[in-house]
Protein backbone atom coordinates (compact mmCIF):
# COMPACT_ATOMS: atom_id res chain seq x y z
CA LEU A 1 -17.56 21.24 13.52
CA TYR A 2 -17.16 24.65 12.54
CA ASP A 3 -14.96 25.33 15.42
CA SER A 4 -11.42 24.70 17.11
CA ASN A 5 -11.66 21.31 19.13
CA PRO A 6 -9.07 19.99 21.52
CA SER A 7 -7.11 16.68 20.20
CA LYS A 8 -3.96 14.94 20.69
CA ILE A 9 -1.95 15.67 17.20
CA HIS A 10 0.64 13.16 16.13
CA VAL A 11 2.94 13.47 13.28
CA ALA A 12 4.48 10.68 11.59
CA PHE A 13 5.93 9.69 8.38
CA GLY A 14 3.58 7.76 5.81
CA GLY A 15 2.02 7.07 2.71
CA VAL A 16 0.95 3.92 0.92
CA GLY A 17 4.46 3.60 -0.55
CA ARG A 18 6.69 4.78 1.72
CA ASN A 19 4.80 2.54 4.64
CA ILE A 20 4.96 -0.49 2.37
CA ALA A 21 8.63 -0.08 1.34
CA GLU A 22 9.24 0.52 5.27
CA ASN A 23 7.56 -2.56 6.30
CA LEU A 24 9.19 -4.71 3.65
CA SER A 25 12.68 -3.19 4.54
CA ARG A 26 11.67 -4.28 8.36
CA LEU A 27 11.06 -7.67 7.28
CA GLU A 28 14.56 -7.92 5.86
CA ASN A 29 13.90 -7.43 2.42
CA GLU A 30 16.08 -5.36 0.33
CA VAL A 31 13.77 -2.39 -0.93
CA HIS A 32 14.54 0.65 -3.65
CA PHE A 33 12.05 3.16 -3.46
CA ILE A 34 11.67 5.65 -6.15
CA THR A 35 9.41 8.86 -5.18
CA VAL A 36 9.83 12.57 -4.82
CA PHE A 37 11.08 14.70 -2.29
CA GLY A 38 11.00 18.74 -1.82
CA ASP A 39 13.42 20.68 0.13
CA ASP A 40 11.46 21.62 3.13
CA PHE A 41 11.63 20.14 6.88
CA PHE A 42 9.24 17.36 6.50
CA SER A 43 10.90 16.01 2.88
CA LYS A 44 14.75 16.00 4.71
CA SER A 45 13.37 14.40 7.60
CA ALA A 46 11.39 11.83 5.41
CA ASN A 47 14.42 11.26 3.33
CA LYS A 48 16.69 10.47 6.43
CA SER A 49 14.34 8.28 8.06
CA LEU A 50 14.19 6.01 5.11
CA GLU A 51 17.98 6.14 5.10
CA LYS A 52 18.25 4.90 8.72
CA ILE A 53 16.22 1.87 8.12
CA GLY A 54 18.27 1.20 5.01
CA ILE A 55 15.84 1.87 2.21
CA ASP A 56 17.62 3.07 -1.08
CA THR A 57 16.15 6.65 -2.22
CA THR A 58 18.72 7.63 -4.33
CA ASN A 59 16.96 7.40 -8.05
CA SER A 60 14.07 9.42 -6.39
CA LEU A 61 13.59 13.24 -7.85
CA PHE A 62 14.49 15.78 -5.65
CA ILE A 63 12.82 19.41 -6.32
CA LYS A 64 13.82 22.03 -4.65
CA ASN A 65 11.57 25.10 -3.48
CA ARG A 66 8.61 22.24 -2.84
CA SER A 67 7.39 20.99 0.06
CA ASN A 68 6.35 17.36 0.96
CA SER A 69 3.28 15.49 0.19
CA VAL A 70 1.16 15.86 3.36
CA TYR A 71 -1.85 13.51 4.80
CA LEU A 72 -3.65 14.36 7.82
CA GLY A 73 -5.92 11.52 9.19
CA ILE A 74 -8.61 12.72 11.89
CA MET A 75 -9.24 9.31 13.75
CA ASN A 76 -12.79 8.85 15.93
CA GLN A 77 -12.96 7.58 19.64
CA GLU A 78 -12.33 3.97 18.24
CA ASN A 79 -9.07 5.42 16.54
CA ASP A 80 -10.59 4.25 13.42
CA LEU A 81 -10.23 6.53 10.28
CA PHE A 82 -13.04 9.67 10.36
CA LEU A 83 -11.81 11.72 7.94
CA GLY A 84 -8.62 11.83 5.68
CA LEU A 85 -7.38 14.97 3.79
CA ASN A 86 -4.44 14.92 1.88
CA ASP A 87 -1.76 17.34 -0.44
CA MET A 88 -0.36 15.31 -3.10
CA GLU A 89 0.39 18.08 -5.50
CA ILE A 90 4.15 17.02 -5.48
CA THR A 91 3.47 13.83 -6.48
CA LYS A 92 2.38 14.72 -9.95
CA GLU A 93 6.08 15.29 -10.87
CA LEU A 94 6.56 11.58 -10.83
CA ASN A 95 5.20 11.69 -14.53
CA SER A 96 6.16 9.65 -17.51
CA GLU A 97 9.16 11.32 -18.55
CA PHE A 98 10.68 11.44 -15.58
CA LEU A 99 9.93 7.53 -15.00
CA LYS A 100 11.36 6.95 -18.50
CA THR A 101 14.94 8.08 -17.00
CA LYS A 102 14.81 5.29 -14.60
CA ALA A 103 14.17 2.65 -16.96
CA ARG A 104 17.05 0.95 -16.46
CA PHE A 105 17.10 1.13 -13.05
CA ILE A 106 13.60 -0.34 -12.91
CA ASN A 107 14.70 -3.26 -15.03
CA GLU A 108 17.26 -4.80 -12.54
CA PHE A 109 13.97 -5.74 -10.61
CA SER A 110 11.77 -8.83 -11.21
CA THR A 111 8.81 -7.46 -8.78
CA ILE A 112 7.61 -3.98 -8.27
CA ILE A 113 5.09 -2.19 -6.17
CA ILE A 114 3.37 0.71 -7.83
CA ASP A 115 1.49 3.31 -5.71
CA ASN A 116 -1.77 4.37 -7.25
CA ASN A 117 -1.51 8.00 -5.92
CA LEU A 118 0.50 8.26 -9.14
CA GLU A 119 -1.06 10.35 -11.91
CA THR A 120 -3.20 8.43 -14.47
CA GLU A 121 -0.27 8.70 -17.51
CA ALA A 122 2.36 7.76 -15.12
CA LEU A 123 0.19 4.64 -14.28
CA HIS A 124 -0.34 3.88 -17.81
CA TYR A 125 3.21 3.82 -18.77
CA LEU A 126 4.41 1.95 -15.83
CA LEU A 127 1.87 -0.71 -16.28
CA ASN A 128 2.19 -0.96 -20.23
CA THR A 129 6.02 -0.80 -20.08
CA TYR A 130 6.95 -3.60 -17.29
CA GLN A 131 4.55 -6.47 -18.20
CA ASP A 132 7.14 -8.66 -18.01
CA LYS A 133 7.62 -7.96 -14.06
CA ILE A 134 5.50 -8.97 -11.13
CA ILE A 135 3.21 -5.79 -10.68
CA ILE A 136 1.63 -5.37 -7.44
CA MET A 137 -0.45 -2.67 -6.45
CA ASP A 138 -2.93 -1.18 -3.59
CA ALA A 139 -6.48 0.21 -5.00
CA VAL A 140 -5.54 3.03 -2.01
CA SER A 141 -9.52 4.41 -2.09
CA ALA A 142 -12.76 4.13 -3.58
CA LYS A 143 -12.15 7.21 -5.75
CA LYS A 144 -8.44 6.18 -7.05
CA VAL A 145 -9.48 2.65 -8.24
CA VAL A 146 -11.19 3.66 -10.32
CA LYS A 147 -8.41 4.59 -12.65
CA LEU A 148 -7.30 1.02 -12.53
CA SER A 149 -10.49 -0.20 -14.24
CA ALA A 150 -8.92 -0.07 -17.83
CA TYR A 151 -5.40 -2.10 -16.51
CA LEU A 152 -7.04 -4.59 -14.01
CA ASP A 153 -5.10 -7.53 -17.00
CA LYS A 154 -2.08 -5.60 -16.63
CA ILE A 155 -1.81 -5.75 -12.57
CA SER A 156 -0.20 -9.08 -11.08
CA ILE A 157 -1.54 -8.44 -7.89
CA LEU A 158 -4.45 -5.65 -6.87
CA LYS A 159 -5.29 -5.46 -3.33
CA LEU A 160 -8.76 -3.53 -2.26
CA ASN A 161 -10.99 -3.39 0.62
CA GLN A 162 -14.56 -4.17 0.26
CA ILE A 163 -15.49 -0.18 -0.41
CA GLU A 164 -12.94 -0.14 -3.51
CA LEU A 165 -13.99 -3.69 -4.78
CA SER A 166 -17.77 -1.94 -5.26
CA ALA A 167 -16.23 1.04 -6.67
CA LEU A 168 -14.97 -1.23 -9.58
CA SER A 169 -18.20 -3.38 -10.07
CA ASP A 170 -21.86 -2.50 -9.42
CA GLU A 171 -22.67 -6.52 -8.93
CA LEU A 172 -24.52 -6.80 -5.57
CA GLU A 173 -22.73 -9.99 -4.12
CA THR A 174 -18.81 -10.01 -3.32
CA ILE A 175 -18.51 -12.96 -5.50
CA ASP A 176 -20.15 -11.61 -8.00
CA LYS A 177 -18.48 -8.51 -7.58
CA ILE A 178 -15.22 -10.48 -8.06
CA LYS A 179 -16.02 -12.78 -11.04
CA HIS A 180 -16.84 -9.37 -12.79
CA LEU A 181 -13.13 -8.23 -11.85
CA HIS A 182 -11.74 -11.40 -13.58
CA ILE A 183 -14.06 -11.32 -16.32
CA LYS A 184 -12.22 -7.90 -16.83
CA GLY A 185 -8.75 -9.29 -16.82
CA ALA A 186 -7.79 -9.47 -13.19
CA LYS A 187 -5.21 -11.87 -12.18
CA THR A 188 -4.89 -11.81 -8.29
CA LEU A 189 -7.13 -10.34 -6.10
CA LEU A 190 -6.46 -9.65 -2.45
CA ILE A 191 -9.63 -8.56 -0.60
CA THR A 192 -10.31 -7.44 3.19
CA ASN A 193 -13.36 -6.32 4.74
CA GLN A 194 -12.53 -4.74 8.11
CA GLU A 195 -12.91 -7.53 10.78
CA LYS A 196 -14.70 -10.30 8.34
CA ASP A 197 -12.84 -12.72 6.11
CA ILE A 198 -9.83 -12.14 4.18
CA ILE A 199 -10.41 -13.16 0.36
CA LEU A 200 -7.61 -14.12 -1.80
CA SER A 201 -9.35 -14.82 -5.53
CA LYS A 202 -7.37 -15.98 -8.54
CA LYS A 203 -9.18 -17.59 -11.80
CA GLY A 204 -8.61 -20.75 -10.29
CA GLY A 205 -10.38 -20.37 -7.40
CA ILE A 206 -10.72 -18.51 -4.08
CA ILE A 207 -9.09 -19.03 -0.70
CA THR A 208 -10.48 -17.35 2.77
CA LYS A 209 -9.08 -16.90 6.01
CA LYS A 210 -10.25 -15.59 9.24
CA VAL A 211 -8.63 -12.03 10.54
CA LEU A 212 -6.51 -12.20 13.75
CA GLY A 213 -8.30 -10.87 16.92
CA ILE A 214 -7.29 -8.23 19.06
CA ASP A 215 -8.34 -6.73 22.47
CA THR A 216 -7.12 -3.24 21.60
CA ILE A 217 -6.86 -1.23 18.39
CA VAL A 218 -4.57 1.69 18.93
CA ASN A 219 -4.68 3.10 15.20
CA ALA A 220 -5.99 1.47 12.14
CA THR A 221 -4.20 3.68 9.68
CA GLY A 222 -1.85 1.87 7.94
CA ALA A 223 -3.01 -1.51 8.53
CA GLY A 224 -4.01 -2.50 4.97
CA ASP A 225 -0.57 -1.57 3.80
CA ALA A 226 1.12 -3.45 6.49
CA PHE A 227 -1.14 -6.44 5.23
CA LEU A 228 -0.24 -6.29 1.78
CA SER A 229 3.60 -5.88 2.74
CA GLY A 230 3.09 -9.04 4.72
CA PHE A 231 1.50 -11.13 1.49
CA ILE A 232 4.25 -9.43 -0.75
CA HIS A 233 7.11 -10.71 1.58
CA GLY A 234 5.44 -13.96 0.72
CA VAL A 235 5.50 -13.58 -2.68
CA LEU A 236 9.26 -12.68 -2.66
CA HIS A 237 9.93 -16.02 -0.38
CA ASN A 238 7.99 -18.00 -2.48
CA PHE A 239 5.42 -18.82 0.37
CA SER A 240 2.13 -20.94 -0.10
CA ASP A 241 -0.79 -18.84 -0.57
CA ASP A 242 -1.78 -20.18 3.01
CA LYS A 243 1.15 -18.70 4.23
CA LYS A 244 1.02 -15.66 2.85
CA LEU A 245 -2.27 -14.78 3.94
CA LYS A 246 -0.85 -15.61 7.37
CA TYR A 247 2.20 -13.86 7.42
CA ALA A 248 -0.09 -10.78 5.99
CA ASN A 249 -2.84 -11.24 8.73
CA ILE A 250 -0.06 -10.87 11.38
CA ALA A 251 1.70 -7.89 10.19
CA ALA A 252 -1.62 -5.88 9.91
CA ASN A 253 -2.28 -7.09 13.60
CA ILE A 254 1.35 -6.01 14.89
CA THR A 255 0.66 -2.73 12.88
CA LEU A 256 -2.86 -2.09 14.46
CA GLN A 257 -1.19 -1.86 17.75
CA SER A 258 1.21 1.02 16.77
CA ASN A 259 0.70 4.79 17.06
CA ASN A 260 2.10 5.23 13.53
CA SER A 261 0.97 3.78 10.07
CA THR A 262 4.10 1.40 10.23
CA SER A 263 5.43 -0.40 13.51
CA GLU A 264 9.14 -0.46 14.82
CA LEU A 265 8.10 -3.70 16.32
CA LEU A 266 7.33 -5.46 12.87
CA ASN A 267 10.11 -7.87 11.82
CA LYS A 268 10.82 -11.79 11.90
CA ASN A 269 11.27 -12.59 15.37
CA GLU A 270 8.01 -10.76 16.32
CA VAL A 271 5.95 -12.42 13.43
CA LYS A 272 7.17 -15.79 14.32
CA LYS A 273 5.64 -15.00 18.24
CA TYR A 274 2.19 -14.89 16.32
CA GLU A 275 2.69 -18.64 14.18
């Protein structure tokens, strides 16, 4: 610390919303992505990379003389996240005023995935306006999930890890934390805890599933996004809950073996190799 350190620096496109959009597209789903781009090199490159894999960004917000949002992940020797830093200032432009201009477009779809990196006023608008749709969200972080405490009853599926779950409930035991969130209105909770069992909890009961074993983790960043993407794919194709969890597990496993926060190897044929 407090000094220059030799390291390997790798640049890639990412972000929770973008990762999920890319993963779903690679699994051959039709994806439309509303985000915000500046006009710097990274913004233009990010947009082109999405277009290249068939993701429609035409309804996004494009702002001149602004830079793209950036996330810096510092990894430890086990290739797990040690420290994450982000500059998401431009995301504030995705406000309710802009989103209202996209209402007709958004209403064309039955399922929407909302990135919790949005400001609270934008989340409030989306979560209250589109209650006729399946709304899926990732908690993103312990700090950011607190914003959702008042909206748990408006989210169809919420994916959290154990740290994020604890940020929403002071109960000591995991099962009690889950019950507490259901009492507050949570519908479906998808909970991961690194190598421990995955939990899918609905008001009617709980399903647990073991994670897939993996010999070498190349990069843990994006694995949670891939997990949720696999689960969403199952939702879109009416899979059983057990098959949704299996698909999510496989998608995460494939992504853990990639240098990037998404994997170019993620596709239906690759998933079948694990089934």
